Amino acid sequence: MAYRIEYSEAAEQFIRRLDREMLLRVLPRMEAIARSPRAMGAIKLSAENAYHSRVVDYRAIYSVIEDTQTVLVADITYPREHRVGV
C-alpha cells in the first residue's frame, strides 16, 4: 500500500523550478518513495522517522508518519548543499 505524499513549501518551490525534462525524472522517483519509503537507498537520519534518499541528481529529505500513512517531504536539494565545511 502506497503512502500519501505531502510536500513542504520549500519542496514545492523546488519542484516548481524544475524544467519539464527533470520533472519527468523526479516525480516517478518521489512516487517510488511513497510506495516504499524505507526501501534500499533510503538512509535514516538521526531524527526519528526521518530519511534522505537520492532522487536523480538531488537528495530528498523526508519523514515517515505511520499513523496517517504519509511521507512528508521536507526539502529537495543538491547533495553538496548539506555538506559541512564546504
C-alpha atoms as a PDB file:
ATOM      1  CA  MET A   1       0.000   0.000   0.000  1.00  0.00           C
ATOM      2  CA  ALA A   2       1.410   3.369  -1.012  1.00  0.00           C
ATOM      3  CA  TYR A   3       1.805   6.174   1.454  1.00  0.00           C
ATOM      4  CA  ARG A   4       0.274   9.552   0.717  1.00  0.00           C
ATOM      5  CA  ILE A   5       2.958  12.090  -0.164  1.00  0.00           C
ATOM      6  CA  GLU A   6       2.933  15.703   1.021  1.00  0.00           C
ATOM      7  CA  TYR A   7       5.454  18.410   0.256  1.00  0.00           C
ATOM      8  CA  SER A   8       6.639  21.279   2.449  1.00  0.00           C
ATOM      9  CA  GLU A   9       6.603  24.744   0.934  1.00  0.00           C
ATOM     10  CA  ALA A  10      10.374  24.521   0.284  1.00  0.00           C
ATOM     11  CA  ALA A  11       9.999  21.184  -1.547  1.00  0.00           C
ATOM     12  CA  GLU A  12       7.069  22.524  -3.609  1.00  0.00           C
ATOM     13  CA  GLN A  13       9.098  25.577  -4.619  1.00  0.00           C
ATOM     14  CA  PHE A  14      11.979  23.364  -5.680  1.00  0.00           C
ATOM     15  CA  ILE A  15       9.696  21.177  -7.816  1.00  0.00           C
ATOM     16  CA  ARG A  16       8.070  24.228  -9.435  1.00  0.00           C
ATOM     17  CA  ARG A  17      11.503  25.472 -10.553  1.00  0.00           C
ATOM     18  CA  LEU A  18      12.400  22.236 -12.357  1.00  0.00           C
ATOM     19  CA  ASP A  19      12.241  22.132 -16.129  1.00  0.00           C
ATOM     20  CA  ARG A  20       9.883  19.629 -17.730  1.00  0.00           C
ATOM     21  CA  GLU A  21      12.593  17.067 -18.531  1.00  0.00           C
ATOM     22  CA  MET A  22      13.880  16.963 -14.952  1.00  0.00           C
ATOM     23  CA  LEU A  23      10.346  16.984 -13.546  1.00  0.00           C
ATOM     24  CA  LEU A  24       9.564  13.849 -15.561  1.00  0.00           C
ATOM     25  CA  ARG A  25      12.549  12.186 -13.887  1.00  0.00           C
ATOM     26  CA  VAL A  26      11.981  13.415 -10.324  1.00  0.00           C
ATOM     27  CA  LEU A  27       8.245  12.748  -9.910  1.00  0.00           C
ATOM     28  CA  PRO A  28       8.417   8.996 -10.637  1.00  0.00           C
ATOM     29  CA  ARG A  29      11.161   8.671  -8.017  1.00  0.00           C
ATOM     30  CA  MET A  30       9.019  10.534  -5.489  1.00  0.00           C
ATOM     31  CA  GLU A  31       6.168   8.133  -6.280  1.00  0.00           C
ATOM     32  CA  ALA A  32       8.545   5.215  -5.656  1.00  0.00           C
ATOM     33  CA  ILE A  33       9.396   6.689  -2.249  1.00  0.00           C
ATOM     34  CA  ALA A  34       5.663   6.906  -1.492  1.00  0.00           C
ATOM     35  CA  ARG A  35       5.291   3.200  -2.341  1.00  0.00           C
ATOM     36  CA  SER A  36       8.224   2.157  -0.167  1.00  0.00           C
ATOM     37  CA  PRO A  37       9.725   4.973   1.948  1.00  0.00           C
ATOM     38  CA  ARG A  38      12.297   2.736   3.637  1.00  0.00           C
ATOM     39  CA  ALA A  39      13.492   0.923   0.520  1.00  0.00           C
ATOM     40  CA  MET A  40      17.108   0.226  -0.220  1.00  0.00           C
ATOM     41  CA  GLY A  41      18.894   3.519  -0.742  1.00  0.00           C
ATOM     42  CA  ALA A  42      16.928   5.390   1.919  1.00  0.00           C
ATOM     43  CA  ILE A  43      19.296   6.473   4.661  1.00  0.00           C
ATOM     44  CA  LYS A  44      17.925   7.000   8.164  1.00  0.00           C
ATOM     45  CA  LEU A  45      18.781  10.335   9.744  1.00  0.00           C
ATOM     46  CA  SER A  46      19.239  10.939  13.454  1.00  0.00           C
ATOM     47  CA  ALA A  47      15.721  12.381  13.810  1.00  0.00           C
ATOM     48  CA  GLU A  48      13.011   9.827  14.484  1.00  0.00           C
ATOM     49  CA  ASN A  49      11.442   8.524  11.249  1.00  0.00           C
ATOM     50  CA  ALA A  50      13.493  10.918   9.088  1.00  0.00           C
ATOM     51  CA  TYR A  51      15.305   9.742   5.949  1.00  0.00           C
ATOM     52  CA  HIS A  52      17.093  11.018   2.911  1.00  0.00           C
ATOM     53  CA  SER A  53      17.167   9.376  -0.450  1.00  0.00           C
ATOM     54  CA  ARG A  54      18.755  10.077  -3.789  1.00  0.00           C
ATOM     55  CA  VAL A  55      16.270  11.458  -6.322  1.00  0.00           C
ATOM     56  CA  VAL A  56      18.004  11.740  -9.699  1.00  0.00           C
ATOM     57  CA  ASP A  57      20.738  14.364  -9.059  1.00  0.00           C
ATOM     58  CA  TYR A  58      19.131  15.612  -5.849  1.00  0.00           C
ATOM     59  CA  ARG A  59      18.545  14.484  -2.277  1.00  0.00           C
ATOM     60  CA  ALA A  60      15.057  14.334  -0.781  1.00  0.00           C
ATOM     61  CA  ILE A  61      14.780  14.716   2.971  1.00  0.00           C
ATOM     62  CA  TYR A  62      11.542  13.315   4.329  1.00  0.00           C
ATOM     63  CA  SER A  63       9.729  11.947   7.358  1.00  0.00           C
ATOM     64  CA  VAL A  64       7.512   8.889   7.504  1.00  0.00           C
ATOM     65  CA  ILE A  65       4.338   9.328   9.539  1.00  0.00           C
ATOM     66  CA  GLU A  66       2.907   5.874  10.218  1.00  0.00           C
ATOM     67  CA  ASP A  67      -0.352   6.980  11.862  1.00  0.00           C
ATOM     68  CA  THR A  68      -1.568   8.674   8.676  1.00  0.00           C
ATOM     69  CA  GLN A  69       0.483   6.610   6.182  1.00  0.00           C
ATOM     70  CA  THR A  70       2.111   9.839   4.968  1.00  0.00           C
ATOM     71  CA  VAL A  71       5.544  10.718   3.621  1.00  0.00           C
ATOM     72  CA  LEU A  72       6.265  14.391   4.335  1.00  0.00           C
ATOM     73  CA  VAL A  73       8.989  15.707   2.029  1.00  0.00           C
ATOM     74  CA  ALA A  74      10.724  18.477   3.959  1.00  0.00           C
ATOM     75  CA  ASP A  75      13.189  19.512   1.249  1.00  0.00           C
ATOM     76  CA  ILE A  76      14.810  18.529  -2.022  1.00  0.00           C
ATOM     77  CA  THR A  77      18.320  19.874  -2.528  1.00  0.00           C
ATOM     78  CA  TYR A  78      21.603  19.251  -4.252  1.00  0.00           C
ATOM     79  CA  PRO A  79      23.618  16.807  -2.106  1.00  0.00           C
ATOM     80  CA  ARG A  80      26.511  19.223  -1.703  1.00  0.00           C
ATOM     81  CA  GLU A  81      24.224  21.823  -0.028  1.00  0.00           C
ATOM     82  CA  HIS A  82      24.137  19.686   3.129  1.00  0.00           C
ATOM     83  CA  ARG A  83      27.861  19.034   3.475  1.00  0.00           C
ATOM     84  CA  VAL A  84      29.545  20.535   6.484  1.00  0.00           C
ATOM     85  CA  GLY A  85      32.609  22.667   5.828  1.00  0.00           C
ATOM     86  CA  VAL A  86      32.174  23.017   2.064  1.00  0.00           C
END
